[in-house]
Amino acid sequence: MKLNLAKDFSPNPFGRYRSDGPNSAERFRDDVLKNALNKCKQENDKLSVYLDDVPIGLGSSFLDEGFAGLVFKGYFTVDELKSLLEIKSEDSSYSQEIWSYIEEASRHAHP
């Protein structure tokens, strides 16, 4: 399954929390990403998230809340995400950054 951040969510993703605006990482995680990952889990599929069509840079707070929040909130384990999630970007630093946030979240996740 493919998910294009700019086309399937917003070309201007911004902010950590819903209170930061309509295109926040919290809304992306809870309303889009979590549902897509659950569908992939049921269908034994992988989710490829494409980041390249976002015209502005992606903020660390958006990436942390949007992706690592999946682990921190207890929705998925790191191992589940490793089997379900692929980050696609021409800028490999995004993938490295996201996975480092996910690993860090696993050390502080809610039980």
PDB file of N, CA and C in Angstrom:
ATOM      1  N   MET A   1       0.838  -1.163   0.000  1.00  0.00           N
ATOM      2  CA  MET A   1       0.000   0.000   0.000  1.00  0.00           C
ATOM      3  C   MET A   1       0.892   1.238   0.000  1.00  0.00           C
ATOM      4  N   LYS A   2       0.456   2.265  -0.689  1.00  0.00           N
ATOM      5  CA  LYS A   2       1.227   3.505  -0.778  1.00  0.00           C
ATOM      6  C   LYS A   2       0.446   4.639  -0.126  1.00  0.00           C
ATOM      7  N   LEU A   3       1.203   5.504   0.534  1.00  0.00           N
ATOM      8  CA  LEU A   3       0.625   6.705   1.122  1.00  0.00           C
ATOM      9  C   LEU A   3       1.550   7.857   0.790  1.00  0.00           C
ATOM     10  N   ASN A   4       1.039   8.816   0.058  1.00  0.00           N
ATOM     11  CA  ASN A   4       1.819   9.989  -0.304  1.00  0.00           C
ATOM     12  C   ASN A   4       1.417  11.108   0.659  1.00  0.00           C
ATOM     13  N   LEU A   5       2.350  11.543   1.485  1.00  0.00           N
ATOM     14  CA  LEU A   5       2.049  12.529   2.515  1.00  0.00           C
ATOM     15  C   LEU A   5       1.394  13.778   1.931  1.00  0.00           C
ATOM     16  N   ALA A   6       1.951  14.325   0.867  1.00  0.00           N
ATOM     17  CA  ALA A   6       1.432  15.565   0.278  1.00  0.00           C
ATOM     18  C   ALA A   6       0.066  15.369  -0.373  1.00  0.00           C
ATOM     19  N   LYS A   7      -0.111  14.261  -1.075  1.00  0.00           N
ATOM     20  CA  LYS A   7      -1.353  14.050  -1.829  1.00  0.00           C
ATOM     21  C   LYS A   7      -2.457  13.424  -0.996  1.00  0.00           C
ATOM     22  N   ASP A   8      -2.101  12.539  -0.076  1.00  0.00           N
ATOM     23  CA  ASP A   8      -3.114  11.822   0.702  1.00  0.00           C
ATOM     24  C   ASP A   8      -3.413  12.466   2.055  1.00  0.00           C
ATOM     25  N   PHE A   9      -2.597  13.440   2.451  1.00  0.00           N
ATOM     26  CA  PHE A   9      -2.834  14.131   3.724  1.00  0.00           C
ATOM     27  C   PHE A   9      -2.843  15.642   3.513  1.00  0.00           C
ATOM     28  N   SER A  10      -1.691  16.215   3.261  1.00  0.00           N
ATOM     29  CA  SER A  10      -1.604  17.664   3.044  1.00  0.00           C
ATOM     30  C   SER A  10      -0.271  18.008   2.396  1.00  0.00           C
ATOM     31  N   PRO A  11      -0.268  18.959   1.440  1.00  0.00           N
ATOM     32  CA  PRO A  11       0.992  19.409   0.872  1.00  0.00           C
ATOM     33  C   PRO A  11       1.784  20.273   1.869  1.00  0.00           C
ATOM     34  N   ASN A  12       1.120  20.670   2.950  1.00  0.00           N
ATOM     35  CA  ASN A  12       1.767  21.520   3.950  1.00  0.00           C
ATOM     36  C   ASN A  12       1.621  20.949   5.356  1.00  0.00           C
ATOM     37  N   PRO A  13       2.173  19.771   5.610  1.00  0.00           N
ATOM     38  CA  PRO A  13       2.070  19.206   6.956  1.00  0.00           C
ATOM     39  C   PRO A  13       2.882  20.056   7.926  1.00  0.00           C
ATOM     40  N   PHE A  14       2.271  20.381   9.056  1.00  0.00           N
ATOM     41  CA  PHE A  14       2.946  21.276   9.982  1.00  0.00           C
ATOM     42  C   PHE A  14       2.420  21.092  11.396  1.00  0.00           C
ATOM     43  N   GLY A  15       3.322  21.148  12.336  1.00  0.00           N
ATOM     44  CA  GLY A  15       2.954  21.158  13.740  1.00  0.00           C
ATOM     45  C   GLY A  15       2.885  19.777  14.348  1.00  0.00           C
ATOM     46  N   ARG A  16       2.975  19.751  15.651  1.00  0.00           N
ATOM     47  CA  ARG A  16       2.945  18.508  16.397  1.00  0.00           C
ATOM     48  C   ARG A  16       1.512  18.120  16.773  1.00  0.00           C
ATOM     49  N   TYR A  17       0.770  19.072  17.323  1.00  0.00           N
ATOM     50  CA  TYR A  17      -0.553  18.777  17.902  1.00  0.00           C
ATOM     51  C   TYR A  17      -1.690  19.360  17.066  1.00  0.00           C
ATOM     52  N   ARG A  18      -2.883  18.819  17.256  1.00  0.00           N
ATOM     53  CA  ARG A  18      -4.068  19.335  16.558  1.00  0.00           C
ATOM     54  C   ARG A  18      -4.242  20.825  16.799  1.00  0.00           C
ATOM     55  N   SER A  19      -3.873  21.278  17.979  1.00  0.00           N
ATOM     56  CA  SER A  19      -3.997  22.705  18.300  1.00  0.00           C
ATOM     57  C   SER A  19      -3.056  23.574  17.458  1.00  0.00           C
ATOM     58  N   ASP A  20      -2.069  22.960  16.812  1.00  0.00           N
ATOM     59  CA  ASP A  20      -1.142  23.700  15.954  1.00  0.00           C
ATOM     60  C   ASP A  20      -1.727  23.981  14.573  1.00  0.00           C
ATOM     61  N   GLY A  21      -2.812  23.316  14.227  1.00  0.00           N
ATOM     62  CA  GLY A  21      -3.434  23.549  12.931  1.00  0.00           C
ATOM     63  C   GLY A  21      -4.001  22.272  12.342  1.00  0.00           C
ATOM     64  N   PRO A  22      -4.701  22.411  11.213  1.00  0.00           N
ATOM     65  CA  PRO A  22      -5.419  21.274  10.619  1.00  0.00           C
ATOM     66  C   PRO A  22      -4.519  20.193  10.012  1.00  0.00           C
ATOM     67  N   ASN A  23      -3.261  20.508   9.767  1.00  0.00           N
ATOM     68  CA  ASN A  23      -2.363  19.553   9.110  1.00  0.00           C
ATOM     69  C   ASN A  23      -1.288  19.053  10.063  1.00  0.00           C
ATOM     70  N   SER A  24      -1.669  18.855  11.312  1.00  0.00           N
ATOM     71  CA  SER A  24      -0.721  18.474  12.355  1.00  0.00           C
ATOM     72  C   SER A  24      -0.324  17.005  12.273  1.00  0.00           C
ATOM     73  N   ALA A  25       0.800  16.697  12.897  1.00  0.00           N
ATOM     74  CA  ALA A  25       1.295  15.320  12.973  1.00  0.00           C
ATOM     75  C   ALA A  25       0.336  14.438  13.775  1.00  0.00           C
ATOM     76  N   GLU A  26      -0.273  15.006  14.801  1.00  0.00           N
ATOM     77  CA  GLU A  26      -1.212  14.238  15.614  1.00  0.00           C
ATOM     78  C   GLU A  26      -2.400  13.766  14.758  1.00  0.00           C
ATOM     79  N   ARG A  27      -2.934  14.661  13.928  1.00  0.00           N
ATOM     80  CA  ARG A  27      -4.042  14.276  13.048  1.00  0.00           C
ATOM     81  C   ARG A  27      -3.574  13.267  11.993  1.00  0.00           C
ATOM     82  N   PHE A  28      -2.382  13.481  11.428  1.00  0.00           N
ATOM     83  CA  PHE A  28      -1.834  12.548  10.452  1.00  0.00           C
ATOM     84  C   PHE A  28      -1.696  11.157  11.063  1.00  0.00           C
ATOM     85  N   ARG A  29      -1.102  11.092  12.252  1.00  0.00           N
ATOM     86  CA  ARG A  29      -0.885   9.802  12.924  1.00  0.00           C
ATOM     87  C   ARG A  29      -2.200   9.110  13.246  1.00  0.00           C
ATOM     88  N   ASP A  30      -3.103   9.826  13.895  1.00  0.00           N
ATOM     89  CA  ASP A  30      -4.327   9.198  14.400  1.00  0.00           C
ATOM     90  C   ASP A  30      -5.387   8.964  13.334  1.00  0.00           C
ATOM     91  N   ASP A  31      -5.475   9.850  12.335  1.00  0.00           N
ATOM     92  CA  ASP A  31      -6.550   9.763  11.349  1.00  0.00           C
ATOM     93  C   ASP A  31      -6.139   9.107  10.037  1.00  0.00           C
ATOM     94  N   VAL A  32      -4.846   9.054   9.758  1.00  0.00           N
ATOM     95  CA  VAL A  32      -4.396   8.528   8.463  1.00  0.00           C
ATOM     96  C   VAL A  32      -3.424   7.361   8.640  1.00  0.00           C
ATOM     97  N   LEU A  33      -2.290   7.621   9.260  1.00  0.00           N
ATOM     98  CA  LEU A  33      -1.212   6.639   9.320  1.00  0.00           C
ATOM     99  C   LEU A  33      -1.595   5.390  10.113  1.00  0.00           C
ATOM    100  N   LYS A  34      -2.188   5.562  11.270  1.00  0.00           N
ATOM    101  CA  LYS A  34      -2.567   4.414  12.107  1.00  0.00           C
ATOM    102  C   LYS A  34      -3.554   3.506  11.365  1.00  0.00           C
ATOM    103  N   ASN A  35      -4.536   4.108  10.702  1.00  0.00           N
ATOM    104  CA  ASN A  35      -5.532   3.320   9.965  1.00  0.00           C
ATOM    105  C   ASN A  35      -4.900   2.559   8.801  1.00  0.00           C
ATOM    106  N   ALA A  36      -4.003   3.227   8.075  1.00  0.00           N
ATOM    107  CA  ALA A  36      -3.334   2.577   6.943  1.00  0.00           C
ATOM    108  C   ALA A  36      -2.461   1.415   7.430  1.00  0.00           C
ATOM    109  N   LEU A  37      -1.763   1.621   8.534  1.00  0.00           N
ATOM    110  CA  LEU A  37      -0.913   0.548   9.073  1.00  0.00           C
ATOM    111  C   LEU A  37      -1.739  -0.622   9.587  1.00  0.00           C
ATOM    112  N   ASN A  38      -2.856  -0.332  10.222  1.00  0.00           N
ATOM    113  CA  ASN A  38      -3.732  -1.412  10.683  1.00  0.00           C
ATOM    114  C   ASN A  38      -4.282  -2.218   9.511  1.00  0.00           C
ATOM    115  N   LYS A  39      -4.618  -1.536   8.426  1.00  0.00           N
ATOM    116  CA  LYS A  39      -5.104  -2.231   7.223  1.00  0.00           C
ATOM    117  C   LYS A  39      -4.003  -3.120   6.651  1.00  0.00           C
ATOM    118  N   CYS A  40      -2.781  -2.597   6.607  1.00  0.00           N
ATOM    119  CA  CYS A  40      -1.649  -3.391   6.108  1.00  0.00           C
ATOM    120  C   CYS A  40      -1.401  -4.603   7.007  1.00  0.00           C
ATOM    121  N   LYS A  41      -1.524  -4.420   8.297  1.00  0.00           N
ATOM    122  CA  LYS A  41      -1.325  -5.517   9.241  1.00  0.00           C
ATOM    123  C   LYS A  41      -2.346  -6.630   8.990  1.00  0.00           C
ATOM    124  N   GLN A  42      -3.607  -6.239   8.772  1.00  0.00           N
ATOM    125  CA  GLN A  42      -4.664  -7.217   8.505  1.00  0.00           C
ATOM    126  C   GLN A  42      -4.440  -7.943   7.183  1.00  0.00           C
ATOM    127  N   GLU A  43      -3.917  -7.227   6.206  1.00  0.00           N
ATOM    128  CA  GLU A  43      -3.762  -7.786   4.862  1.00  0.00           C
ATOM    129  C   GLU A  43      -2.355  -8.327   4.608  1.00  0.00           C
ATOM    130  N   ASN A  44      -1.523  -8.372   5.667  1.00  0.00           N
ATOM    131  CA  ASN A  44      -0.151  -8.840   5.535  1.00  0.00           C
ATOM    132  C   ASN A  44       0.582  -8.089   4.412  1.00  0.00           C
ATOM    133  N   ASP A  45       0.446  -6.767   4.449  1.00  0.00           N
ATOM    134  CA  ASP A  45       1.012  -5.887   3.436  1.00  0.00           C
ATOM    135  C   ASP A  45       2.007  -4.945   4.113  1.00  0.00           C
ATOM    136  N   LYS A  46       2.661  -4.133   3.323  1.00  0.00           N
ATOM    137  CA  LYS A  46       3.598  -3.136   3.828  1.00  0.00           C
ATOM    138  C   LYS A  46       3.112  -1.763   3.383  1.00  0.00           C
ATOM    139  N   LEU A  47       3.301  -0.761   4.215  1.00  0.00           N
ATOM    140  CA  LEU A  47       2.917   0.602   3.873  1.00  0.00           C
ATOM    141  C   LEU A  47       4.163   1.391   3.491  1.00  0.00           C
ATOM    142  N   SER A  48       4.161   1.940   2.293  1.00  0.00           N
ATOM    143  CA  SER A  48       5.240   2.813   1.834  1.00  0.00           C
ATOM    144  C   SER A  48       4.753   4.247   1.927  1.00  0.00           C
ATOM    145  N   VAL A  49       5.398   5.036   2.770  1.00  0.00           N
ATOM    146  CA  VAL A  49       5.026   6.438   2.947  1.00  0.00           C
ATOM    147  C   VAL A  49       6.013   7.289   2.156  1.00  0.00           C
ATOM    148  N   TYR A  50       5.479   8.032   1.190  1.00  0.00           N
ATOM    149  CA  TYR A  50       6.289   8.868   0.309  1.00  0.00           C
ATOM    150  C   TYR A  50       6.275  10.309   0.811  1.00  0.00           C
ATOM    151  N   LEU A  51       7.467  10.877   0.992  1.00  0.00           N
ATOM    152  CA  LEU A  51       7.600  12.213   1.557  1.00  0.00           C
ATOM    153  C   LEU A  51       8.016  13.277   0.541  1.00  0.00           C
ATOM    154  N   ASP A  52       8.408  12.882  -0.653  1.00  0.00           N
ATOM    155  CA  ASP A  52       9.061  13.808  -1.579  1.00  0.00           C
ATOM    156  C   ASP A  52       8.184  14.906  -2.165  1.00  0.00           C
ATOM    157  N   ASP A  53       6.869  14.768  -2.189  1.00  0.00           N
ATOM    158  CA  ASP A  53       6.021  15.772  -2.828  1.00  0.00           C
ATOM    159  C   ASP A  53       5.666  16.939  -1.912  1.00  0.00           C
ATOM    160  N   VAL A  54       6.160  16.904  -0.686  1.00  0.00           N
ATOM    161  CA  VAL A  54       5.938  18.036   0.222  1.00  0.00           C
ATOM    162  C   VAL A  54       6.896  19.149  -0.194  1.00  0.00           C
ATOM    163  N   PRO A  55       6.354  20.333  -0.588  1.00  0.00           N
ATOM    164  CA  PRO A  55       7.225  21.386  -1.127  1.00  0.00           C
ATOM    165  C   PRO A  55       8.107  22.078  -0.089  1.00  0.00           C
ATOM    166  N   ILE A  56       7.724  21.986   1.178  1.00  0.00           N
ATOM    167  CA  ILE A  56       8.548  22.589   2.234  1.00  0.00           C
ATOM    168  C   ILE A  56       9.227  21.468   3.004  1.00  0.00           C
ATOM    169  N   GLY A  57      10.241  21.793   3.756  1.00  0.00           N
ATOM    170  CA  GLY A  57      10.893  20.769   4.569  1.00  0.00           C
ATOM    171  C   GLY A  57       9.952  20.258   5.655  1.00  0.00           C
ATOM    172  N   LEU A  58      10.192  19.046   6.082  1.00  0.00           N
ATOM    173  CA  LEU A  58       9.385  18.456   7.146  1.00  0.00           C
ATOM    174  C   LEU A  58      10.063  18.701   8.489  1.00  0.00           C
ATOM    175  N   GLY A  59       9.321  19.285   9.407  1.00  0.00           N
ATOM    176  CA  GLY A  59       9.867  19.606  10.712  1.00  0.00           C
ATOM    177  C   GLY A  59      10.056  18.381  11.580  1.00  0.00           C
ATOM    178  N   SER A  60      11.056  18.442  12.449  1.00  0.00           N
ATOM    179  CA  SER A  60      11.328  17.308  13.327  1.00  0.00           C
ATOM    180  C   SER A  60      10.157  17.024  14.260  1.00  0.00           C
ATOM    181  N   SER A  61       9.440  18.053  14.698  1.00  0.00           N
ATOM    182  CA  SER A  61       8.306  17.810  15.590  1.00  0.00           C
ATOM    183  C   SER A  61       7.197  17.058  14.867  1.00  0.00           C
ATOM    184  N   PHE A  62       6.992  17.348  13.578  1.00  0.00           N
ATOM    185  CA  PHE A  62       5.986  16.623  12.796  1.00  0.00           C
ATOM    186  C   PHE A  62       6.403  15.156  12.637  1.00  0.00           C
ATOM    187  N   LEU A  63       7.647  14.936  12.280  1.00  0.00           N
ATOM    188  CA  LEU A  63       8.130  13.567  12.061  1.00  0.00           C
ATOM    189  C   LEU A  63       8.118  12.757  13.354  1.00  0.00           C
ATOM    190  N   ASP A  64       8.511  13.379  14.448  1.00  0.00           N
ATOM    191  CA  ASP A  64       8.540  12.699  15.737  1.00  0.00           C
ATOM    192  C   ASP A  64       7.129  12.309  16.175  1.00  0.00           C
ATOM    193  N   GLU A  65       6.240  13.269  16.198  1.00  0.00           N
ATOM    194  CA  GLU A  65       4.865  12.992  16.661  1.00  0.00           C
ATOM    195  C   GLU A  65       4.144  12.053  15.705  1.00  0.00           C
ATOM    196  N   GLY A  66       4.314  12.285  14.414  1.00  0.00           N
ATOM    197  CA  GLY A  66       3.593  11.500  13.419  1.00  0.00           C
ATOM    198  C   GLY A  66       4.000  10.042  13.376  1.00  0.00           C
ATOM    199  N   PHE A  67       5.282   9.776  13.487  1.00  0.00           N
ATOM    200  CA  PHE A  67       5.771   8.406  13.350  1.00  0.00           C
ATOM    201  C   PHE A  67       6.114   7.763  14.689  1.00  0.00           C
ATOM    202  N   ALA A  68       6.957   8.417  15.477  1.00  0.00           N
ATOM    203  CA  ALA A  68       7.336   7.847  16.773  1.00  0.00           C
ATOM    204  C   ALA A  68       6.143   7.795  17.723  1.00  0.00           C
ATOM    205  N   GLY A  69       5.200   8.694  17.518  1.00  0.00           N
ATOM    206  CA  GLY A  69       3.992   8.689  18.338  1.00  0.00           C
ATOM    207  C   GLY A  69       3.218   7.381  18.244  1.00  0.00           C
ATOM    208  N   LEU A  70       3.380   6.671  17.138  1.00  0.00           N
ATOM    209  CA  LEU A  70       2.735   5.358  16.978  1.00  0.00           C
ATOM    210  C   LEU A  70       3.215   4.385  18.055  1.00  0.00           C
ATOM    211  N   VAL A  71       4.487   4.472  18.395  1.00  0.00           N
ATOM    212  CA  VAL A  71       5.078   3.608  19.423  1.00  0.00           C
ATOM    213  C   VAL A  71       4.821   4.195  20.806  1.00  0.00           C
ATOM    214  N   PHE A  72       5.042   5.494  20.931  1.00  0.00           N
ATOM    215  CA  PHE A  72       4.888   6.145  22.226  1.00  0.00           C
ATOM    216  C   PHE A  72       3.466   5.979  22.769  1.00  0.00           C
ATOM    217  N   LYS A  73       2.479   6.045  21.894  1.00  0.00           N
ATOM    218  CA  LYS A  73       1.081   5.894  22.299  1.00  0.00           C
ATOM    219  C   LYS A  73       0.670   4.433  22.462  1.00  0.00           C
ATOM    220  N   GLY A  74       1.548   3.509  22.092  1.00  0.00           N
ATOM    221  CA  GLY A  74       1.249   2.094  22.253  1.00  0.00           C
ATOM    222  C   GLY A  74       0.434   1.481  21.129  1.00  0.00           C
ATOM    223  N   TYR A  75       0.343   2.175  19.993  1.00  0.00           N
ATOM    224  CA  TYR A  75      -0.414   1.640  18.851  1.00  0.00           C
ATOM    225  C   TYR A  75       0.322   0.481  18.176  1.00  0.00           C
ATOM    226  N   PHE A  76       1.650   0.601  18.093  1.00  0.00           N
ATOM    227  CA  PHE A  76       2.485  -0.412  17.440  1.00  0.00           C
ATOM    228  C   PHE A  76       3.805  -0.535  18.192  1.00  0.00           C
ATOM    229  N   THR A  77       4.435  -1.692  18.070  1.00  0.00           N
ATOM    230  CA  THR A  77       5.785  -1.855  18.598  1.00  0.00           C
ATOM    231  C   THR A  77       6.781  -1.487  17.502  1.00  0.00           C
ATOM    232  N   VAL A  78       8.027  -1.312  17.880  1.00  0.00           N
ATOM    233  CA  VAL A  78       9.069  -1.032  16.899  1.00  0.00           C
ATOM    234  C   VAL A  78       9.166  -2.189  15.902  1.00  0.00           C
ATOM    235  N   ASP A  79       9.113  -3.406  16.403  1.00  0.00           N
ATOM    236  CA  ASP A  79       9.211  -4.566  15.507  1.00  0.00           C
ATOM    237  C   ASP A  79       8.051  -4.617  14.522  1.00  0.00           C
ATOM    238  N   GLU A  80       6.853  -4.281  14.992  1.00  0.00           N
ATOM    239  CA  GLU A  80       5.707  -4.242  14.068  1.00  0.00           C
ATOM    240  C   GLU A  80       5.942  -3.198  12.980  1.00  0.00           C
ATOM    241  N   LEU A  81       6.414  -2.027  13.373  1.00  0.00           N
ATOM    242  CA  LEU A  81       6.653  -0.983  12.379  1.00  0.00           C
ATOM    243  C   LEU A  81       7.756  -1.385  11.401  1.00  0.00           C
ATOM    244  N   LYS A  82       8.773  -2.075  11.886  1.00  0.00           N
ATOM    245  CA  LYS A  82       9.843  -2.522  10.983  1.00  0.00           C
ATOM    246  C   LYS A  82       9.304  -3.468   9.910  1.00  0.00           C
ATOM    247  N   SER A  83       8.294  -4.238  10.246  1.00  0.00           N
ATOM    248  CA  SER A  83       7.727  -5.162   9.260  1.00  0.00           C
ATOM    249  C   SER A  83       6.624  -4.517   8.421  1.00  0.00           C
ATOM    250  N   LEU A  84       6.046  -3.418   8.894  1.00  0.00           N
ATOM    251  CA  LEU A  84       4.906  -2.808   8.203  1.00  0.00           C
ATOM    252  C   LEU A  84       5.228  -1.533   7.431  1.00  0.00           C
ATOM    253  N   LEU A  85       6.258  -0.804   7.843  1.00  0.00           N
ATOM    254  CA  LEU A  85       6.456   0.565   7.373  1.00  0.00           C
ATOM    255  C   LEU A  85       7.753   0.742   6.596  1.00  0.00           C
ATOM    256  N   GLU A  86       7.627   1.420   5.458  1.00  0.00           N
ATOM    257  CA  GLU A  86       8.784   1.853   4.669  1.00  0.00           C
ATOM    258  C   GLU A  86       8.672   3.356   4.466  1.00  0.00           C
ATOM    259  N   ILE A  87       9.751   4.063   4.714  1.00  0.00           N
ATOM    260  CA  ILE A  87       9.790   5.502   4.472  1.00  0.00           C
ATOM    261  C   ILE A  87      10.496   5.717   3.143  1.00  0.00           C
ATOM    262  N   LYS A  88       9.820   6.399   2.227  1.00  0.00           N
ATOM    263  CA  LYS A  88      10.371   6.625   0.888  1.00  0.00           C
ATOM    264  C   LYS A  88      10.644   8.111   0.693  1.00  0.00           C
ATOM    265  N   SER A  89      11.900   8.437   0.423  1.00  0.00           N
ATOM    266  CA  SER A  89      12.276   9.817   0.162  1.00  0.00           C
ATOM    267  C   SER A  89      13.625   9.837  -0.542  1.00  0.00           C
ATOM    268  N   GLU A  90      13.769  10.797  -1.443  1.00  0.00           N
ATOM    269  CA  GLU A  90      15.077  10.969  -2.086  1.00  0.00           C
ATOM    270  C   GLU A  90      16.104  11.448  -1.068  1.00  0.00           C
ATOM    271  N   ASP A  91      15.632  12.090   0.000  1.00  0.00           N
ATOM    272  CA  ASP A  91      16.505  12.549   1.069  1.00  0.00           C
ATOM    273  C   ASP A  91      16.535  11.477   2.159  1.00  0.00           C
ATOM    274  N   SER A  92      17.582  10.673   2.168  1.00  0.00           N
ATOM    275  CA  SER A  92      17.648   9.536   3.092  1.00  0.00           C
ATOM    276  C   SER A  92      17.702   9.973   4.559  1.00  0.00           C
ATOM    277  N   SER A  93      18.024  11.237   4.803  1.00  0.00           N
ATOM    278  CA  SER A  93      18.080  11.691   6.194  1.00  0.00           C
ATOM    279  C   SER A  93      16.699  11.647   6.843  1.00  0.00           C
ATOM    280  N   TYR A  94      15.633  11.797   6.055  1.00  0.00           N
ATOM    281  CA  TYR A  94      14.281  11.703   6.629  1.00  0.00           C
ATOM    282  C   TYR A  94      14.034  10.318   7.218  1.00  0.00           C
ATOM    283  N   SER A  95      14.371   9.302   6.468  1.00  0.00           N
ATOM    284  CA  SER A  95      14.168   7.935   6.939  1.00  0.00           C
ATOM    285  C   SER A  95      14.995   7.672   8.199  1.00  0.00           C
ATOM    286  N   GLN A  96      16.245   8.074   8.170  1.00  0.00           N
ATOM    287  CA  GLN A  96      17.118   7.881   9.339  1.00  0.00           C
ATOM    288  C   GLN A  96      16.566   8.616  10.554  1.00  0.00           C
ATOM    289  N   GLU A  97      16.099   9.836  10.346  1.00  0.00           N
ATOM    290  CA  GLU A  97      15.556  10.644  11.433  1.00  0.00           C
ATOM    291  C   GLU A  97      14.298   9.990  12.019  1.00  0.00           C
ATOM    292  N   ILE A  98      13.397   9.560  11.150  1.00  0.00           N
ATOM    293  CA  ILE A  98      12.145   8.933  11.598  1.00  0.00           C
ATOM    294  C   ILE A  98      12.432   7.668  12.394  1.00  0.00           C
ATOM    295  N   TRP A  99      13.307   6.823  11.881  1.00  0.00           N
ATOM    296  CA  TRP A  99      13.604   5.567  12.595  1.00  0.00           C
ATOM    297  C   TRP A  99      14.330   5.817  13.918  1.00  0.00           C
ATOM    298  N   SER A 100      15.126   6.873  13.983  1.00  0.00           N
ATOM    299  CA  SER A 100      15.771   7.173  15.265  1.00  0.00           C
ATOM    300  C   SER A 100      14.729   7.645  16.279  1.00  0.00           C
ATOM    301  N   TYR A 101      13.734   8.400  15.838  1.00  0.00           N
ATOM    302  CA  TYR A 101      12.649   8.819  16.730  1.00  0.00           C
ATOM    303  C   TYR A 101      11.834   7.613  17.200  1.00  0.00           C
ATOM    304  N   ILE A 102      11.587   6.690  16.286  1.00  0.00           N
ATOM    305  CA  ILE A 102      10.820   5.485  16.634  1.00  0.00           C
ATOM    306  C   ILE A 102      11.577   4.670  17.674  1.00  0.00           C
ATOM    307  N   GLU A 103      12.868   4.480  17.463  1.00  0.00           N
ATOM    308  CA  GLU A 103      13.685   3.730  18.432  1.00  0.00           C
ATOM    309  C   GLU A 103      13.686   4.423  19.795  1.00  0.00           C
ATOM    310  N   GLU A 104      13.828   5.734  19.784  1.00  0.00           N
ATOM    311  CA  GLU A 104      13.826   6.503  21.035  1.00  0.00           C
ATOM    312  C   GLU A 104      12.467   6.372  21.744  1.00  0.00           C
ATOM    313  N   ALA A 105      11.390   6.425  20.983  1.00  0.00           N
ATOM    314  CA  ALA A 105      10.046   6.324  21.560  1.00  0.00           C
ATOM    315  C   ALA A 105       9.853   4.980  22.247  1.00  0.00           C
ATOM    316  N   SER A 106      10.488   3.941  21.728  1.00  0.00           N
ATOM    317  CA  SER A 106      10.321   2.608  22.317  1.00  0.00           C
ATOM    318  C   SER A 106      10.886   2.553  23.728  1.00  0.00           C
ATOM    319  N   ARG A 107      11.826   3.430  24.024  1.00  0.00           N
ATOM    320  CA  ARG A 107      12.399   3.477  25.358  1.00  0.00           C
ATOM    321  C   ARG A 107      11.530   4.251  26.343  1.00  0.00           C
ATOM    322  N   HIS A 108      10.540   4.968  25.815  1.00  0.00           N
ATOM    323  CA  HIS A 108       9.677   5.795  26.657  1.00  0.00           C
ATOM    324  C   HIS A 108       8.192   5.522  26.420  1.00  0.00           C
ATOM    325  N   ALA A 109       7.886   4.437  25.739  1.00  0.00           N
ATOM    326  CA  ALA A 109       6.499   4.151  25.357  1.00  0.00           C
ATOM    327  C   ALA A 109       5.615   3.853  26.556  1.00  0.00           C
ATOM    328  N   HIS A 110       4.356   4.169  26.386  1.00  0.00           N
ATOM    329  CA  HIS A 110       3.350   3.838  27.388  1.00  0.00           C
ATOM    330  C   HIS A 110       3.106   2.325  27.326  1.00  0.00           C
ATOM    331  N   PRO A 111       2.919   1.678  28.449  1.00  0.00           N
ATOM    332  CA  PRO A 111       2.708   0.219  28.422  1.00  0.00           C
ATOM    333  C   PRO A 111       1.368  -0.149  27.803  1.00  0.00           C
TER     334      PRO A 111
END
